[in-house]
Amino acid sequence: MTSDMIEIWIGILGLAYLAAAGLYFEMLRARKHVRARHGHARPYSDRIRRSR
């Protein structure tokens, strides 16, 4: 393989890595959003609810 081909493959693999990382973090963010929407997360902290 020539150095040009190696650079092209490194670029392709780098872009694929960035795309996979972006999808992974987007899935994590979407999962947190769904959990909060279904009431699993507390809307207020204990300190705010128990204040006098």
PDB file of N, CA and C in Angstrom:
ATOM      1  N   MET A   1       0.839  -1.187   0.000  1.00  0.00           N
ATOM      2  CA  MET A   1       0.000   0.000   0.000  1.00  0.00           C
ATOM      3  C   MET A   1       0.883   1.249   0.000  1.00  0.00           C
ATOM      4  N   THR A   2       0.426   2.218  -0.719  1.00  0.00           N
ATOM      5  CA  THR A   2       1.181   3.460  -0.741  1.00  0.00           C
ATOM      6  C   THR A   2       0.771   4.330   0.440  1.00  0.00           C
ATOM      7  N   SER A   3       1.542   5.348   0.698  1.00  0.00           N
ATOM      8  CA  SER A   3       1.233   6.220   1.833  1.00  0.00           C
ATOM      9  C   SER A   3      -0.077   6.972   1.610  1.00  0.00           C
ATOM     10  N   ASP A   4      -0.427   7.241   0.345  1.00  0.00           N
ATOM     11  CA  ASP A   4      -1.704   7.911   0.064  1.00  0.00           C
ATOM     12  C   ASP A   4      -2.881   7.026   0.472  1.00  0.00           C
ATOM     13  N   MET A   5      -2.789   5.750   0.167  1.00  0.00           N
ATOM     14  CA  MET A   5      -3.881   4.825   0.532  1.00  0.00           C
ATOM     15  C   MET A   5      -4.003   4.693   2.047  1.00  0.00           C
ATOM     16  N   ILE A   6      -2.862   4.677   2.729  1.00  0.00           N
ATOM     17  CA  ILE A   6      -2.881   4.582   4.192  1.00  0.00           C
ATOM     18  C   ILE A   6      -3.538   5.826   4.773  1.00  0.00           C
ATOM     19  N   GLU A   7      -3.230   6.993   4.256  1.00  0.00           N
ATOM     20  CA  GLU A   7      -3.847   8.226   4.742  1.00  0.00           C
ATOM     21  C   GLU A   7      -5.354   8.225   4.494  1.00  0.00           C
ATOM     22  N   ILE A   8      -5.773   7.728   3.352  1.00  0.00           N
ATOM     23  CA  ILE A   8      -7.207   7.664   3.052  1.00  0.00           C
ATOM     24  C   ILE A   8      -7.914   6.734   4.028  1.00  0.00           C
ATOM     25  N   TRP A   9      -7.325   5.553   4.280  1.00  0.00           N
ATOM     26  CA  TRP A   9      -7.954   4.614   5.216  1.00  0.00           C
ATOM     27  C   TRP A   9      -7.983   5.164   6.640  1.00  0.00           C
ATOM     28  N   ILE A  10      -6.925   5.861   7.035  1.00  0.00           N
ATOM     29  CA  ILE A  10      -6.910   6.475   8.373  1.00  0.00           C
ATOM     30  C   ILE A  10      -8.015   7.522   8.476  1.00  0.00           C
ATOM     31  N   GLY A  11      -8.208   8.294   7.427  1.00  0.00           N
ATOM     32  CA  GLY A  11      -9.277   9.288   7.426  1.00  0.00           C
ATOM     33  C   GLY A  11     -10.653   8.647   7.499  1.00  0.00           C
ATOM     34  N   ILE A  12     -10.860   7.587   6.731  1.00  0.00           N
ATOM     35  CA  ILE A  12     -12.158   6.901   6.749  1.00  0.00           C
ATOM     36  C   ILE A  12     -12.430   6.293   8.120  1.00  0.00           C
ATOM     37  N   LEU A  13     -11.453   5.627   8.678  1.00  0.00           N
ATOM     38  CA  LEU A  13     -11.629   5.014   9.996  1.00  0.00           C
ATOM     39  C   LEU A  13     -11.812   6.065  11.083  1.00  0.00           C
ATOM     40  N   GLY A  14     -11.128   7.189  10.962  1.00  0.00           N
ATOM     41  CA  GLY A  14     -11.299   8.269  11.931  1.00  0.00           C
ATOM     42  C   GLY A  14     -12.705   8.839  11.882  1.00  0.00           C
ATOM     43  N   LEU A  15     -13.234   9.049  10.678  1.00  0.00           N
ATOM     44  CA  LEU A  15     -14.604   9.548  10.547  1.00  0.00           C
ATOM     45  C   LEU A  15     -15.623   8.536  11.074  1.00  0.00           C
ATOM     46  N   ALA A  16     -15.380   7.258  10.817  1.00  0.00           N
ATOM     47  CA  ALA A  16     -16.287   6.225  11.325  1.00  0.00           C
ATOM     48  C   ALA A  16     -16.264   6.202  12.854  1.00  0.00           C
ATOM     49  N   TYR A  17     -15.084   6.384  13.438  1.00  0.00           N
ATOM     50  CA  TYR A  17     -14.967   6.420  14.894  1.00  0.00           C
ATOM     51  C   TYR A  17     -15.736   7.602  15.468  1.00  0.00           C
ATOM     52  N   LEU A  18     -15.598   8.773  14.861  1.00  0.00           N
ATOM     53  CA  LEU A  18     -16.312   9.955  15.338  1.00  0.00           C
ATOM     54  C   LEU A  18     -17.830   9.783  15.202  1.00  0.00           C
ATOM     55  N   ALA A  19     -18.264   9.174  14.109  1.00  0.00           N
ATOM     56  CA  ALA A  19     -19.698   8.954  13.915  1.00  0.00           C
ATOM     57  C   ALA A  19     -20.234   7.983  14.961  1.00  0.00           C
ATOM     58  N   ALA A  20     -19.491   6.925  15.240  1.00  0.00           N
ATOM     59  CA  ALA A  20     -19.937   5.953  16.246  1.00  0.00           C
ATOM     60  C   ALA A  20     -19.979   6.580  17.631  1.00  0.00           C
ATOM     61  N   ALA A  21     -18.994   7.397  17.966  1.00  0.00           N
ATOM     62  CA  ALA A  21     -18.990   8.063  19.272  1.00  0.00           C
ATOM     63  C   ALA A  21     -20.166   9.038  19.376  1.00  0.00           C
ATOM     64  N   GLY A  22     -20.456   9.754  18.303  1.00  0.00           N
ATOM     65  CA  GLY A  22     -21.592  10.664  18.307  1.00  0.00           C
ATOM     66  C   GLY A  22     -22.912   9.945  18.501  1.00  0.00           C
ATOM     67  N   LEU A  23     -23.083   8.817  17.820  1.00  0.00           N
ATOM     68  CA  LEU A  23     -24.309   8.032  17.988  1.00  0.00           C
ATOM     69  C   LEU A  23     -24.427   7.477  19.401  1.00  0.00           C
ATOM     70  N   TYR A  24     -23.320   7.033  19.965  1.00  0.00           N
ATOM     71  CA  TYR A  24     -23.336   6.484  21.319  1.00  0.00           C
ATOM     72  C   TYR A  24     -23.782   7.532  22.327  1.00  0.00           C
ATOM     73  N   PHE A  25     -23.197   8.726  22.250  1.00  0.00           N
ATOM     74  CA  PHE A  25     -23.554   9.765  23.215  1.00  0.00           C
ATOM     75  C   PHE A  25     -24.962  10.290  22.978  1.00  0.00           C
ATOM     76  N   GLU A  26     -25.406  10.292  21.737  1.00  0.00           N
ATOM     77  CA  GLU A  26     -26.784  10.698  21.455  1.00  0.00           C
ATOM     78  C   GLU A  26     -27.768   9.686  22.041  1.00  0.00           C
ATOM     79  N   MET A  27     -27.432   8.403  21.977  1.00  0.00           N
ATOM     80  CA  MET A  27     -28.303   7.385  22.566  1.00  0.00           C
ATOM     81  C   MET A  27     -28.334   7.525  24.083  1.00  0.00           C
ATOM     82  N   LEU A  28     -27.206   7.836  24.707  1.00  0.00           N
ATOM     83  CA  LEU A  28     -27.183   8.044  26.152  1.00  0.00           C
ATOM     84  C   LEU A  28     -28.052   9.229  26.541  1.00  0.00           C
ATOM     85  N   ARG A  29     -27.941  10.318  25.776  1.00  0.00           N
ATOM     86  CA  ARG A  29     -28.730  11.510  26.078  1.00  0.00           C
ATOM     87  C   ARG A  29     -30.217  11.227  25.890  1.00  0.00           C
ATOM     88  N   ALA A  30     -30.586  10.485  24.858  1.00  0.00           N
ATOM     89  CA  ALA A  30     -31.990  10.171  24.608  1.00  0.00           C
ATOM     90  C   ALA A  30     -32.531   9.264  25.712  1.00  0.00           C
ATOM     91  N   ARG A  31     -31.714   8.340  26.210  1.00  0.00           N
ATOM     92  CA  ARG A  31     -32.172   7.439  27.268  1.00  0.00           C
ATOM     93  C   ARG A  31     -32.439   8.216  28.557  1.00  0.00           C
ATOM     94  N   LYS A  32     -31.588   9.186  28.878  1.00  0.00           N
ATOM     95  CA  LYS A  32     -31.809  10.006  30.071  1.00  0.00           C
ATOM     96  C   LYS A  32     -33.073  10.836  29.928  1.00  0.00           C
ATOM     97  N   HIS A  33     -33.321  11.345  28.733  1.00  0.00           N
ATOM     98  CA  HIS A  33     -34.507  12.174  28.495  1.00  0.00           C
ATOM     99  C   HIS A  33     -35.777  11.339  28.660  1.00  0.00           C
ATOM    100  N   VAL A  34     -35.775  10.117  28.177  1.00  0.00           N
ATOM    101  CA  VAL A  34     -36.952   9.252  28.295  1.00  0.00           C
ATOM    102  C   VAL A  34     -37.199   8.900  29.749  1.00  0.00           C
ATOM    103  N   ARG A  35     -36.134   8.614  30.510  1.00  0.00           N
ATOM    104  CA  ARG A  35     -36.305   8.272  31.916  1.00  0.00           C
ATOM    105  C   ARG A  35     -36.933   9.420  32.684  1.00  0.00           C
ATOM    106  N   ALA A  36     -36.469  10.630  32.431  1.00  0.00           N
ATOM    107  CA  ALA A  36     -36.996  11.780  33.155  1.00  0.00           C
ATOM    108  C   ALA A  36     -38.451  12.034  32.776  1.00  0.00           C
ATOM    109  N   ARG A  37     -38.822  11.753  31.549  1.00  0.00           N
ATOM    110  CA  ARG A  37     -40.179  12.010  31.111  1.00  0.00           C
ATOM    111  C   ARG A  37     -41.166  11.030  31.754  1.00  0.00           C
ATOM    112  N   HIS A  38     -40.726   9.834  32.080  1.00  0.00           N
ATOM    113  CA  HIS A  38     -41.614   8.837  32.666  1.00  0.00           C
ATOM    114  C   HIS A  38     -41.676   8.921  34.190  1.00  0.00           C
ATOM    115  N   GLY A  39     -41.072   9.911  34.789  1.00  0.00           N
ATOM    116  CA  GLY A  39     -41.200  10.134  36.214  1.00  0.00           C
ATOM    117  C   GLY A  39     -40.206   9.389  37.080  1.00  0.00           C
ATOM    118  N   HIS A  40     -39.159   8.844  36.509  1.00  0.00           N
ATOM    119  CA  HIS A  40     -38.174   8.142  37.332  1.00  0.00           C
ATOM    120  C   HIS A  40     -37.231   9.110  38.026  1.00  0.00           C
ATOM    121  N   ALA A  41     -37.089  10.295  37.491  1.00  0.00           N
ATOM    122  CA  ALA A  41     -36.233  11.294  38.120  1.00  0.00           C
ATOM    123  C   ALA A  41     -37.104  12.222  38.958  1.00  0.00           C
ATOM    124  N   ARG A  42     -36.572  12.641  40.102  1.00  0.00           N
ATOM    125  CA  ARG A  42     -37.338  13.545  40.962  1.00  0.00           C
ATOM    126  C   ARG A  42     -37.376  14.940  40.354  1.00  0.00           C
ATOM    127  N   PRO A  43     -38.526  15.578  40.328  1.00  0.00           N
ATOM    128  CA  PRO A  43     -38.586  16.919  39.743  1.00  0.00           C
ATOM    129  C   PRO A  43     -37.882  17.958  40.592  1.00  0.00           C
ATOM    130  N   TYR A  44     -37.867  17.806  41.910  1.00  0.00           N
ATOM    131  CA  TYR A  44     -37.215  18.761  42.800  1.00  0.00           C
ATOM    132  C   TYR A  44     -36.327  18.009  43.778  1.00  0.00           C
ATOM    133  N   SER A  45     -35.304  18.662  44.248  1.00  0.00           N
ATOM    134  CA  SER A  45     -34.451  18.026  45.231  1.00  0.00           C
ATOM    135  C   SER A  45     -35.140  18.011  46.588  1.00  0.00           C
ATOM    136  N   ASP A  46     -34.655  17.195  47.514  1.00  0.00           N
ATOM    137  CA  ASP A  46     -35.254  17.093  48.836  1.00  0.00           C
ATOM    138  C   ASP A  46     -35.164  18.419  49.590  1.00  0.00           C
ATOM    139  N   ARG A  47     -34.103  19.156  49.412  1.00  0.00           N
ATOM    140  CA  ARG A  47     -33.917  20.416  50.120  1.00  0.00           C
ATOM    141  C   ARG A  47     -35.020  21.428  49.715  1.00  0.00           C
ATOM    142  N   ILE A  48     -35.348  21.477  48.453  1.00  0.00           N
ATOM    143  CA  ILE A  48     -36.374  22.429  48.017  1.00  0.00           C
ATOM    144  C   ILE A  48     -37.747  22.012  48.523  1.00  0.00           C
ATOM    145  N   ARG A  49     -38.032  20.723  48.475  1.00  0.00           N
ATOM    146  CA  ARG A  49     -39.378  20.279  48.905  1.00  0.00           C
ATOM    147  C   ARG A  49     -39.567  20.417  50.408  1.00  0.00           C
ATOM    148  N   ARG A  50     -38.511  20.297  51.202  1.00  0.00           N
ATOM    149  CA  ARG A  50     -38.645  20.322  52.662  1.00  0.00           C
ATOM    150  C   ARG A  50     -38.350  21.700  53.253  1.00  0.00           C
ATOM    151  N   SER A  51     -38.141  22.694  52.423  1.00  0.00           N
ATOM    152  CA  SER A  51     -37.840  24.020  52.978  1.00  0.00           C
ATOM    153  C   SER A  51     -39.076  24.610  53.656  1.00  0.00           C
ATOM    154  N   ARG A  52     -38.846  25.467  54.667  1.00  0.00           N
ATOM    155  CA  ARG A  52     -39.970  26.031  55.414  1.00  0.00           C
ATOM    156  C   ARG A  52     -40.156  27.479  55.103  1.00  0.00           C
TER     157      ARG A  52
END
